[in-house]
Amino acid sequence: MPSAVSKILLTGLPGCGKTTAVMRICAALKDMRLAGFYTEEIRHNESRMGFRWRRLDGAEGTLAHVDIKSKSAGADKFKVGRYGVDVAGFERDVVPILDEAGTNVQLFVIDEIGKMECFSQKFVDAVRRLFSGQRAVLATVAQKGAGLIAEVKDYPAVKVFTLTERNRDDVIDQITRIFFGSSFFVK
């Protein structure tokens, strides 16, 4: 029997393996038409220097970095901790791939819906369109937060999985079975 779930969210504490889970699920669904992005740390020696985004088509860029400085008085709002966030680059290079209009994408992948990404109103709008639409979505979301972070957890047809290192393999298997057994993919 096909699943009514068309939107899946992974949440959990930092470092629990959300991005690893997304990558493993994408690998299992390699024969489907996927679009989206994931994030990963930028490290130098043993220090985290920032975060990069990487689209599923291989393009990549910097989302946030310690070297991104404020260029105007109001730019401080685009900082999380010691990291400046490149909102303009994210909007230019990532947000457009989240537009389902006119595409044959079966599954949109968003890693992640978090504070840095939500600085972009264009990203917030794109995520709302996807969660209101008919396309399947696999996304990671911060465990805590207001605005879009809280909102996406309450959309209809959303299943939220809380990931831990201990349950990661089981959750990956469950999500993969949901997507393989679903009839909501656009042909």
N, C-alpha and C. Protein backbone atom coordinates (compact mmCIF):
# COMPACT_ATOMS: atom_id res chain seq x y z
N MET A 1 0.84 -1.18 0.00
CA MET A 1 0.00 0.00 0.00
C MET A 1 0.89 1.24 0.00
N PRO A 2 0.68 2.20 -0.92
CA PRO A 2 1.51 3.38 -0.99
C PRO A 2 1.39 4.23 0.26
N SER A 3 2.47 4.93 0.56
CA SER A 3 2.50 5.80 1.72
C SER A 3 1.89 7.15 1.40
N ALA A 4 1.19 7.75 2.39
CA ALA A 4 0.66 9.09 2.23
C ALA A 4 1.71 10.13 2.56
N VAL A 5 2.83 9.71 3.10
CA VAL A 5 3.88 10.64 3.47
C VAL A 5 4.64 11.06 2.22
N SER A 6 4.71 12.35 1.99
CA SER A 6 5.48 12.83 0.85
C SER A 6 6.59 13.79 1.27
N LYS A 7 6.61 14.13 2.53
CA LYS A 7 7.64 15.02 3.05
C LYS A 7 8.25 14.36 4.29
N ILE A 8 9.56 14.21 4.29
CA ILE A 8 10.24 13.58 5.41
C ILE A 8 11.28 14.55 5.95
N LEU A 9 11.24 14.74 7.25
CA LEU A 9 12.19 15.59 7.94
C LEU A 9 13.04 14.75 8.87
N LEU A 10 14.34 15.03 8.85
CA LEU A 10 15.27 14.43 9.81
C LEU A 10 15.72 15.54 10.75
N THR A 11 15.63 15.28 12.03
CA THR A 11 16.11 16.22 13.01
C THR A 11 16.96 15.46 14.03
N GLY A 12 17.65 16.19 14.84
CA GLY A 12 18.49 15.57 15.85
C GLY A 12 19.58 16.52 16.28
N LEU A 13 20.30 16.11 17.28
CA LEU A 13 21.39 16.94 17.81
C LEU A 13 22.49 17.11 16.76
N PRO A 14 23.23 18.22 16.82
CA PRO A 14 24.37 18.36 15.91
C PRO A 14 25.33 17.17 16.06
N GLY A 15 25.80 16.68 14.92
CA GLY A 15 26.75 15.57 14.93
C GLY A 15 26.13 14.20 14.99
N CYS A 16 24.79 14.11 14.95
CA CYS A 16 24.15 12.79 15.03
C CYS A 16 24.17 12.04 13.70
N GLY A 17 24.50 12.74 12.61
CA GLY A 17 24.60 12.05 11.32
C GLY A 17 23.50 12.37 10.33
N LYS A 18 22.87 13.52 10.46
CA LYS A 18 21.78 13.87 9.53
C LYS A 18 22.26 13.93 8.08
N THR A 19 23.37 14.62 7.86
CA THR A 19 23.88 14.72 6.49
C THR A 19 24.32 13.36 5.98
N THR A 20 24.96 12.57 6.81
CA THR A 20 25.35 11.21 6.42
C THR A 20 24.12 10.40 6.03
N ALA A 21 23.06 10.52 6.79
CA ALA A 21 21.82 9.81 6.47
C ALA A 21 21.25 10.26 5.13
N VAL A 22 21.22 11.55 4.90
CA VAL A 22 20.71 12.08 3.63
C VAL A 22 21.53 11.54 2.47
N MET A 23 22.84 11.54 2.60
CA MET A 23 23.69 11.05 1.51
C MET A 23 23.47 9.56 1.25
N ARG A 24 23.29 8.79 2.29
CA ARG A 24 23.03 7.35 2.10
C ARG A 24 21.67 7.11 1.46
N ILE A 25 20.67 7.90 1.84
CA ILE A 25 19.34 7.76 1.23
C ILE A 25 19.42 8.15 -0.24
N CYS A 26 20.10 9.24 -0.55
CA CYS A 26 20.26 9.66 -1.95
C CYS A 26 20.96 8.57 -2.78
N ALA A 27 21.97 7.94 -2.20
CA ALA A 27 22.67 6.87 -2.91
C ALA A 27 21.73 5.70 -3.19
N ALA A 28 20.86 5.39 -2.24
CA ALA A 28 19.90 4.29 -2.43
C ALA A 28 18.85 4.63 -3.48
N LEU A 29 18.57 5.92 -3.65
CA LEU A 29 17.55 6.38 -4.59
C LEU A 29 18.16 6.91 -5.88
N LYS A 30 19.36 6.44 -6.21
CA LYS A 30 20.13 6.99 -7.32
C LYS A 30 19.42 6.90 -8.67
N ASP A 31 18.46 6.03 -8.83
CA ASP A 31 17.75 5.90 -10.10
C ASP A 31 16.58 6.87 -10.21
N MET A 32 16.32 7.62 -9.17
CA MET A 32 15.24 8.61 -9.21
C MET A 32 15.82 9.97 -9.56
N ARG A 33 14.95 10.87 -9.99
CA ARG A 33 15.38 12.22 -10.35
C ARG A 33 15.38 13.08 -9.08
N LEU A 34 16.59 13.41 -8.61
CA LEU A 34 16.78 14.16 -7.37
C LEU A 34 17.36 15.54 -7.68
N ALA A 35 16.99 16.51 -6.88
CA ALA A 35 17.61 17.83 -6.94
C ALA A 35 17.67 18.38 -5.54
N GLY A 36 18.69 19.16 -5.26
CA GLY A 36 18.78 19.76 -3.95
C GLY A 36 20.23 19.96 -3.56
N PHE A 37 20.45 20.05 -2.26
CA PHE A 37 21.78 20.34 -1.76
C PHE A 37 21.97 19.75 -0.37
N TYR A 38 23.21 19.64 0.02
CA TYR A 38 23.55 19.28 1.39
C TYR A 38 24.67 20.21 1.85
N THR A 39 24.88 20.24 3.14
CA THR A 39 25.92 21.10 3.69
C THR A 39 26.97 20.24 4.38
N GLU A 40 28.16 20.78 4.43
CA GLU A 40 29.24 20.08 5.12
C GLU A 40 30.19 21.12 5.71
N GLU A 41 30.92 20.69 6.71
CA GLU A 41 31.85 21.58 7.38
C GLU A 41 33.05 21.89 6.50
N ILE A 42 33.57 23.08 6.66
CA ILE A 42 34.86 23.45 6.08
C ILE A 42 35.84 23.43 7.25
N ARG A 43 36.86 22.57 7.15
CA ARG A 43 37.82 22.43 8.25
C ARG A 43 39.22 22.80 7.75
N HIS A 44 39.96 23.41 8.63
CA HIS A 44 41.37 23.70 8.38
C HIS A 44 42.13 23.21 9.60
N ASN A 45 43.06 22.30 9.36
CA ASN A 45 43.70 21.58 10.47
C ASN A 45 42.57 20.92 11.26
N GLU A 46 42.46 21.11 12.49
CA GLU A 46 41.36 20.48 13.26
C GLU A 46 40.26 21.47 13.62
N SER A 47 40.29 22.65 13.03
CA SER A 47 39.32 23.69 13.38
C SER A 47 38.23 23.82 12.32
N ARG A 48 37.01 23.97 12.77
CA ARG A 48 35.91 24.24 11.85
C ARG A 48 35.97 25.72 11.49
N MET A 49 36.05 26.00 10.19
CA MET A 49 36.15 27.37 9.70
C MET A 49 34.86 27.88 9.10
N GLY A 50 33.95 26.97 8.79
CA GLY A 50 32.69 27.39 8.18
C GLY A 50 31.92 26.20 7.64
N PHE A 51 31.04 26.51 6.69
CA PHE A 51 30.18 25.49 6.08
C PHE A 51 30.08 25.76 4.59
N ARG A 52 30.08 24.68 3.82
CA ARG A 52 29.86 24.82 2.37
C ARG A 52 28.57 24.11 2.01
N TRP A 53 27.97 24.57 0.93
CA TRP A 53 26.84 23.86 0.36
C TRP A 53 27.36 23.10 -0.86
N ARG A 54 26.74 21.98 -1.13
CA ARG A 54 27.08 21.21 -2.32
C ARG A 54 25.77 20.72 -2.93
N ARG A 55 25.51 21.15 -4.17
CA ARG A 55 24.31 20.68 -4.85
C ARG A 55 24.50 19.24 -5.29
N LEU A 56 23.40 18.55 -5.50
CA LEU A 56 23.49 17.15 -5.91
C LEU A 56 24.08 17.00 -7.30
N ASP A 57 24.09 18.10 -8.09
CA ASP A 57 24.73 18.04 -9.41
C ASP A 57 26.24 18.31 -9.33
N GLY A 58 26.77 18.49 -8.12
CA GLY A 58 28.20 18.65 -7.92
C GLY A 58 28.68 20.08 -7.71
N ALA A 59 27.90 21.08 -8.08
CA ALA A 59 28.32 22.47 -7.85
C ALA A 59 28.42 22.71 -6.35
N GLU A 60 29.35 23.57 -5.94
CA GLU A 60 29.53 23.85 -4.52
C GLU A 60 29.93 25.29 -4.30
N GLY A 61 29.75 25.74 -3.06
CA GLY A 61 30.14 27.09 -2.69
C GLY A 61 30.11 27.23 -1.18
N THR A 62 30.50 28.39 -0.71
CA THR A 62 30.57 28.65 0.72
C THR A 62 29.24 29.22 1.21
N LEU A 63 28.70 28.62 2.24
CA LEU A 63 27.51 29.14 2.89
C LEU A 63 27.89 30.11 4.00
N ALA A 64 28.84 29.72 4.83
CA ALA A 64 29.25 30.55 5.96
C ALA A 64 30.72 30.29 6.26
N HIS A 65 31.41 31.33 6.72
CA HIS A 65 32.83 31.18 6.99
C HIS A 65 33.27 32.26 7.97
N VAL A 66 34.31 31.96 8.72
CA VAL A 66 34.84 32.95 9.67
C VAL A 66 35.42 34.16 8.94
N ASP A 67 35.83 34.00 7.69
CA ASP A 67 36.42 35.10 6.92
C ASP A 67 35.38 35.98 6.23
N ILE A 68 34.11 35.62 6.27
CA ILE A 68 33.08 36.47 5.68
C ILE A 68 32.78 37.56 6.69
N LYS A 69 33.07 38.78 6.28
CA LYS A 69 32.90 39.93 7.18
C LYS A 69 31.69 40.75 6.75
N SER A 70 31.20 41.54 7.68
CA SER A 70 30.09 42.46 7.39
C SER A 70 30.56 43.52 6.41
N LYS A 71 29.73 43.78 5.40
CA LYS A 71 30.07 44.80 4.42
C LYS A 71 29.25 46.06 4.60
N SER A 72 28.24 45.98 5.44
CA SER A 72 27.43 47.17 5.73
C SER A 72 26.96 47.07 7.17
N ALA A 73 26.45 48.15 7.66
CA ALA A 73 26.05 48.20 9.07
C ALA A 73 25.01 47.14 9.41
N GLY A 74 24.11 46.82 8.49
CA GLY A 74 23.06 45.85 8.77
C GLY A 74 23.45 44.41 8.51
N ALA A 75 24.66 44.18 8.01
CA ALA A 75 25.05 42.83 7.62
C ALA A 75 25.28 41.90 8.81
N ASP A 76 25.39 42.45 10.03
CA ASP A 76 25.57 41.59 11.20
C ASP A 76 24.43 40.61 11.38
N LYS A 77 23.27 40.93 10.83
CA LYS A 77 22.16 39.99 10.97
C LYS A 77 22.42 38.70 10.19
N PHE A 78 23.43 38.70 9.33
CA PHE A 78 23.78 37.50 8.58
C PHE A 78 24.98 36.80 9.20
N LYS A 79 24.99 36.73 10.51
CA LYS A 79 26.04 36.03 11.25
C LYS A 79 25.41 35.02 12.20
N VAL A 80 26.07 33.89 12.31
CA VAL A 80 25.71 32.89 13.31
C VAL A 80 27.01 32.59 14.05
N GLY A 81 27.05 32.96 15.30
CA GLY A 81 28.28 32.80 16.06
C GLY A 81 29.40 33.57 15.40
N ARG A 82 30.48 32.90 15.11
CA ARG A 82 31.63 33.57 14.49
C ARG A 82 31.61 33.51 12.97
N TYR A 83 30.54 32.96 12.39
CA TYR A 83 30.48 32.75 10.95
C TYR A 83 29.61 33.82 10.28
N GLY A 84 30.18 34.46 9.25
CA GLY A 84 29.38 35.32 8.38
C GLY A 84 28.73 34.43 7.33
N VAL A 85 27.49 34.74 6.97
CA VAL A 85 26.73 33.91 6.03
C VAL A 85 26.63 34.62 4.68
N ASP A 86 26.96 33.92 3.62
CA ASP A 86 26.87 34.45 2.25
C ASP A 86 25.46 34.21 1.71
N VAL A 87 24.54 35.05 2.12
CA VAL A 87 23.14 34.91 1.72
C VAL A 87 22.99 35.12 0.22
N ALA A 88 23.65 36.13 -0.34
CA ALA A 88 23.52 36.43 -1.77
C ALA A 88 23.99 35.25 -2.63
N GLY A 89 25.12 34.66 -2.29
CA GLY A 89 25.61 33.51 -3.04
C GLY A 89 24.69 32.31 -2.94
N PHE A 90 24.16 32.07 -1.75
CA PHE A 90 23.22 30.98 -1.52
C PHE A 90 21.96 31.18 -2.36
N GLU A 91 21.45 32.42 -2.37
CA GLU A 91 20.25 32.71 -3.16
C GLU A 91 20.50 32.58 -4.65
N ARG A 92 21.67 32.95 -5.09
CA ARG A 92 22.00 32.90 -6.51
C ARG A 92 22.23 31.46 -6.99
N ASP A 93 22.94 30.67 -6.18
CA ASP A 93 23.42 29.37 -6.66
C ASP A 93 22.67 28.15 -6.16
N VAL A 94 21.89 28.30 -5.09
CA VAL A 94 21.21 27.14 -4.52
C VAL A 94 19.69 27.26 -4.60
N VAL A 95 19.15 28.36 -4.18
CA VAL A 95 17.69 28.50 -4.09
C VAL A 95 16.98 28.19 -5.42
N PRO A 96 17.51 28.61 -6.57
CA PRO A 96 16.79 28.31 -7.83
C PRO A 96 16.56 26.82 -8.10
N ILE A 97 17.41 25.94 -7.59
CA ILE A 97 17.21 24.51 -7.85
C ILE A 97 16.05 23.95 -7.04
N LEU A 98 15.51 24.74 -6.11
CA LEU A 98 14.37 24.29 -5.30
C LEU A 98 13.04 24.70 -5.92
N ASP A 99 13.08 25.16 -7.15
CA ASP A 99 11.87 25.56 -7.86
C ASP A 99 11.34 24.37 -8.64
N GLU A 100 10.18 23.87 -8.21
CA GLU A 100 9.64 22.67 -8.84
C GLU A 100 8.94 22.95 -10.16
N ALA A 101 8.63 24.19 -10.45
CA ALA A 101 7.89 24.53 -11.68
C ALA A 101 8.68 24.10 -12.91
N GLY A 102 8.03 23.34 -13.75
CA GLY A 102 8.63 22.94 -15.01
C GLY A 102 9.73 21.90 -14.91
N THR A 103 9.90 21.28 -13.76
CA THR A 103 10.95 20.27 -13.63
C THR A 103 10.33 18.88 -13.58
N ASN A 104 11.16 17.89 -13.79
CA ASN A 104 10.72 16.51 -13.65
C ASN A 104 11.34 15.86 -12.41
N VAL A 105 11.73 16.68 -11.44
CA VAL A 105 12.35 16.19 -10.21
C VAL A 105 11.33 15.37 -9.42
N GLN A 106 11.76 14.21 -8.95
CA GLN A 106 10.89 13.37 -8.14
C GLN A 106 11.06 13.63 -6.64
N LEU A 107 12.27 14.00 -6.23
CA LEU A 107 12.54 14.22 -4.82
C LEU A 107 13.48 15.41 -4.65
N PHE A 108 13.03 16.37 -3.86
CA PHE A 108 13.87 17.51 -3.51
C PHE A 108 14.56 17.22 -2.18
N VAL A 109 15.86 17.47 -2.14
CA VAL A 109 16.67 17.20 -0.96
C VAL A 109 17.19 18.54 -0.42
N ILE A 110 16.92 18.79 0.86
CA ILE A 110 17.32 20.04 1.49
C ILE A 110 18.04 19.71 2.79
N ASP A 111 19.34 19.95 2.81
CA ASP A 111 20.14 19.73 4.02
C ASP A 111 20.91 21.01 4.31
N GLU A 112 20.37 21.97 4.96
CA GLU A 112 19.36 21.81 5.95
C GLU A 112 18.47 23.03 6.03
N ILE A 113 17.39 22.90 6.78
CA ILE A 113 16.55 24.05 7.11
C ILE A 113 17.02 24.49 8.49
N GLY A 114 17.90 25.46 8.51
CA GLY A 114 18.51 25.93 9.75
C GLY A 114 18.62 27.43 9.77
N LYS A 115 19.20 27.94 10.81
CA LYS A 115 19.29 29.39 11.00
C LYS A 115 20.02 30.09 9.86
N MET A 116 21.13 29.53 9.41
CA MET A 116 21.90 30.19 8.35
C MET A 116 21.11 30.27 7.06
N GLU A 117 20.48 29.17 6.67
CA GLU A 117 19.71 29.13 5.43
C GLU A 117 18.49 30.05 5.51
N CYS A 118 17.90 30.13 6.68
CA CYS A 118 16.67 30.92 6.84
C CYS A 118 16.91 32.43 6.85
N PHE A 119 18.16 32.87 6.81
CA PHE A 119 18.43 34.29 6.59
C PHE A 119 17.93 34.71 5.21
N SER A 120 17.80 33.76 4.30
CA SER A 120 17.35 34.03 2.94
C SER A 120 15.82 33.91 2.87
N GLN A 121 15.16 35.03 2.63
CA GLN A 121 13.70 34.99 2.46
C GLN A 121 13.34 34.19 1.20
N LYS A 122 14.19 34.24 0.18
CA LYS A 122 13.93 33.46 -1.04
C LYS A 122 13.96 31.96 -0.72
N PHE A 123 14.88 31.54 0.14
CA PHE A 123 14.93 30.14 0.56
C PHE A 123 13.66 29.78 1.35
N VAL A 124 13.28 30.62 2.28
CA VAL A 124 12.07 30.38 3.09
C VAL A 124 10.87 30.23 2.16
N ASP A 125 10.74 31.11 1.19
CA ASP A 125 9.61 31.04 0.25
C ASP A 125 9.66 29.76 -0.58
N ALA A 126 10.83 29.38 -1.05
CA ALA A 126 10.97 28.16 -1.85
C ALA A 126 10.61 26.92 -1.03
N VAL A 127 11.05 26.87 0.21
CA VAL A 127 10.73 25.73 1.07
C VAL A 127 9.22 25.67 1.32
N ARG A 128 8.61 26.81 1.58
CA ARG A 128 7.15 26.82 1.79
C ARG A 128 6.42 26.32 0.56
N ARG A 129 6.86 26.72 -0.63
CA ARG A 129 6.22 26.23 -1.86
C ARG A 129 6.37 24.72 -1.97
N LEU A 130 7.57 24.21 -1.70
CA LEU A 130 7.78 22.76 -1.79
C LEU A 130 6.94 22.00 -0.78
N PHE A 131 6.86 22.50 0.45
CA PHE A 131 6.08 21.80 1.47
C PHE A 131 4.59 21.92 1.25
N SER A 132 4.15 22.92 0.49
CA SER A 132 2.74 23.07 0.14
C SER A 132 2.39 22.32 -1.14
N GLY A 133 3.41 21.92 -1.89
CA GLY A 133 3.20 21.30 -3.19
C GLY A 133 3.09 19.79 -3.12
N GLN A 134 3.11 19.19 -4.30
CA GLN A 134 2.90 17.75 -4.43
C GLN A 134 4.19 16.95 -4.49
N ARG A 135 5.33 17.61 -4.68
CA ARG A 135 6.58 16.88 -4.84
C ARG A 135 7.07 16.34 -3.50
N ALA A 136 7.79 15.26 -3.58
CA ALA A 136 8.38 14.66 -2.38
C ALA A 136 9.59 15.49 -1.94
N VAL A 137 9.76 15.57 -0.61
CA VAL A 137 10.87 16.33 -0.04
C VAL A 137 11.51 15.50 1.07
N LEU A 138 12.83 15.46 1.06
CA LEU A 138 13.62 14.91 2.16
C LEU A 138 14.46 16.06 2.66
N ALA A 139 14.29 16.44 3.92
CA ALA A 139 15.01 17.59 4.45
C ALA A 139 15.50 17.30 5.85
N THR A 140 16.60 17.97 6.20
CA THR A 140 17.02 17.99 7.59
C THR A 140 16.60 19.34 8.15
N VAL A 141 16.30 19.34 9.44
CA VAL A 141 15.83 20.56 10.08
C VAL A 141 16.43 20.63 11.48
N ALA A 142 16.75 21.84 11.88
CA ALA A 142 17.27 22.03 13.23
C ALA A 142 16.27 21.49 14.24
N GLN A 143 16.77 20.94 15.32
CA GLN A 143 15.89 20.37 16.33
C GLN A 143 15.08 21.45 17.03
N LYS A 144 15.70 22.61 17.23
CA LYS A 144 15.02 23.73 17.88
C LYS A 144 15.08 24.95 16.99
N GLY A 145 14.07 25.78 17.11
CA GLY A 145 14.06 27.02 16.35
C GLY A 145 12.64 27.45 16.06
N ALA A 146 12.51 28.72 15.77
CA ALA A 146 11.20 29.30 15.48
C ALA A 146 11.07 29.51 13.97
N GLY A 147 10.03 30.17 13.57
CA GLY A 147 9.82 30.50 12.17
C GLY A 147 9.68 29.24 11.33
N LEU A 148 10.36 29.24 10.19
CA LEU A 148 10.27 28.12 9.25
C LEU A 148 10.71 26.80 9.89
N ILE A 149 11.68 26.85 10.79
CA ILE A 149 12.18 25.64 11.43
C ILE A 149 11.05 24.92 12.16
N ALA A 150 10.22 25.66 12.86
CA ALA A 150 9.07 25.07 13.55
C ALA A 150 7.93 24.79 12.59
N GLU A 151 7.74 25.67 11.64
CA GLU A 151 6.61 25.58 10.71
C GLU A 151 6.61 24.30 9.88
N VAL A 152 7.77 23.91 9.33
CA VAL A 152 7.79 22.76 8.43
C VAL A 152 7.41 21.46 9.14
N LYS A 153 7.62 21.42 10.43
CA LYS A 153 7.28 20.20 11.19
C LYS A 153 5.78 20.00 11.30
N ASP A 154 5.00 21.05 11.05
CA ASP A 154 3.55 20.98 11.18
C ASP A 154 2.79 20.90 9.86
N TYR A 155 3.50 20.84 8.74
CA TYR A 155 2.80 20.73 7.46
C TYR A 155 2.11 19.36 7.37
N PRO A 156 1.00 19.30 6.60
CA PRO A 156 0.35 18.00 6.39
C PRO A 156 1.28 17.04 5.63
N ALA A 157 1.09 15.78 5.84
CA ALA A 157 1.85 14.72 5.15
C ALA A 157 3.34 14.79 5.44
N VAL A 158 3.71 15.30 6.62
CA VAL A 158 5.11 15.35 7.03
C VAL A 158 5.35 14.29 8.08
N LYS A 159 6.41 13.53 7.90
CA LYS A 159 6.85 12.57 8.90
C LYS A 159 8.20 13.05 9.41
N VAL A 160 8.30 13.22 10.73
CA VAL A 160 9.54 13.69 11.35
C VAL A 160 10.23 12.52 12.03
N PHE A 161 11.50 12.32 11.69
CA PHE A 161 12.33 11.31 12.32
C PHE A 161 13.39 12.02 13.14
N THR A 162 13.52 11.64 14.41
CA THR A 162 14.60 12.16 15.24
C THR A 162 15.74 11.16 15.17
N LEU A 163 16.85 11.63 14.63
CA LEU A 163 17.99 10.77 14.38
C LEU A 163 18.96 10.79 15.55
N THR A 164 19.49 9.61 15.86
CA THR A 164 20.57 9.48 16.82
C THR A 164 21.62 8.58 16.18
N GLU A 165 22.81 8.57 16.72
CA GLU A 165 23.83 7.66 16.20
C GLU A 165 23.36 6.21 16.33
N ARG A 166 22.60 5.96 17.35
CA ARG A 166 22.14 4.59 17.63
C ARG A 166 21.06 4.10 16.66
N ASN A 167 20.15 5.00 16.23
CA ASN A 167 19.05 4.56 15.37
C ASN A 167 19.27 4.90 13.89
N ARG A 168 20.42 5.49 13.56
CA ARG A 168 20.64 6.01 12.21
C ARG A 168 20.40 4.96 11.12
N ASP A 169 20.96 3.77 11.24
CA ASP A 169 20.79 2.75 10.19
C ASP A 169 19.33 2.36 10.02
N ASP A 170 18.61 2.18 11.13
CA ASP A 170 17.19 1.83 11.04
C ASP A 170 16.37 2.94 10.39
N VAL A 171 16.66 4.19 10.74
CA VAL A 171 15.92 5.32 10.16
C VAL A 171 16.19 5.42 8.67
N ILE A 172 17.43 5.25 8.27
CA ILE A 172 17.77 5.29 6.84
C ILE A 172 16.99 4.20 6.09
N ASP A 173 16.94 3.01 6.64
CA ASP A 173 16.18 1.92 6.01
C ASP A 173 14.70 2.25 5.93
N GLN A 174 14.12 2.80 6.99
CA GLN A 174 12.71 3.16 6.99
C GLN A 174 12.39 4.19 5.92
N ILE A 175 13.21 5.23 5.85
CA ILE A 175 12.96 6.30 4.89
C ILE A 175 13.12 5.79 3.46
N THR A 176 14.12 5.00 3.22
CA THR A 176 14.32 4.44 1.89
C THR A 176 13.12 3.60 1.48
N ARG A 177 12.61 2.79 2.40
CA ARG A 177 11.41 1.97 2.09
C ARG A 177 10.20 2.86 1.82
N ILE A 178 10.05 3.94 2.56
CA ILE A 178 8.93 4.85 2.32
C ILE A 178 8.99 5.39 0.90
N PHE A 179 10.17 5.87 0.49
CA PHE A 179 10.28 6.45 -0.85
C PHE A 179 10.17 5.40 -1.95
N PHE A 180 10.73 4.22 -1.76
CA PHE A 180 10.61 3.17 -2.78
C PHE A 180 9.18 2.69 -2.90
N GLY A 181 8.43 2.69 -1.81
CA GLY A 181 7.08 2.17 -1.84
C GLY A 181 6.01 3.21 -2.10
N SER A 182 6.38 4.41 -2.43
CA SER A 182 5.41 5.48 -2.57
C SER A 182 5.00 5.70 -4.02
N SER A 183 3.78 6.15 -4.17
CA SER A 183 3.27 6.44 -5.51
C SER A 183 3.16 7.93 -5.77
N PHE A 184 3.70 8.75 -4.87
CA PHE A 184 3.55 10.19 -5.04
C PHE A 184 4.60 10.81 -5.95
N PHE A 185 5.57 10.04 -6.40
CA PHE A 185 6.57 10.60 -7.28
C PHE A 185 5.95 10.99 -8.61
N VAL A 186 6.32 12.15 -9.11
CA VAL A 186 5.86 12.61 -10.41
C VAL A 186 6.64 11.85 -11.46
N LYS A 187 5.95 11.24 -12.38
CA LYS A 187 6.60 10.43 -13.42
C LYS A 187 7.21 11.28 -14.50
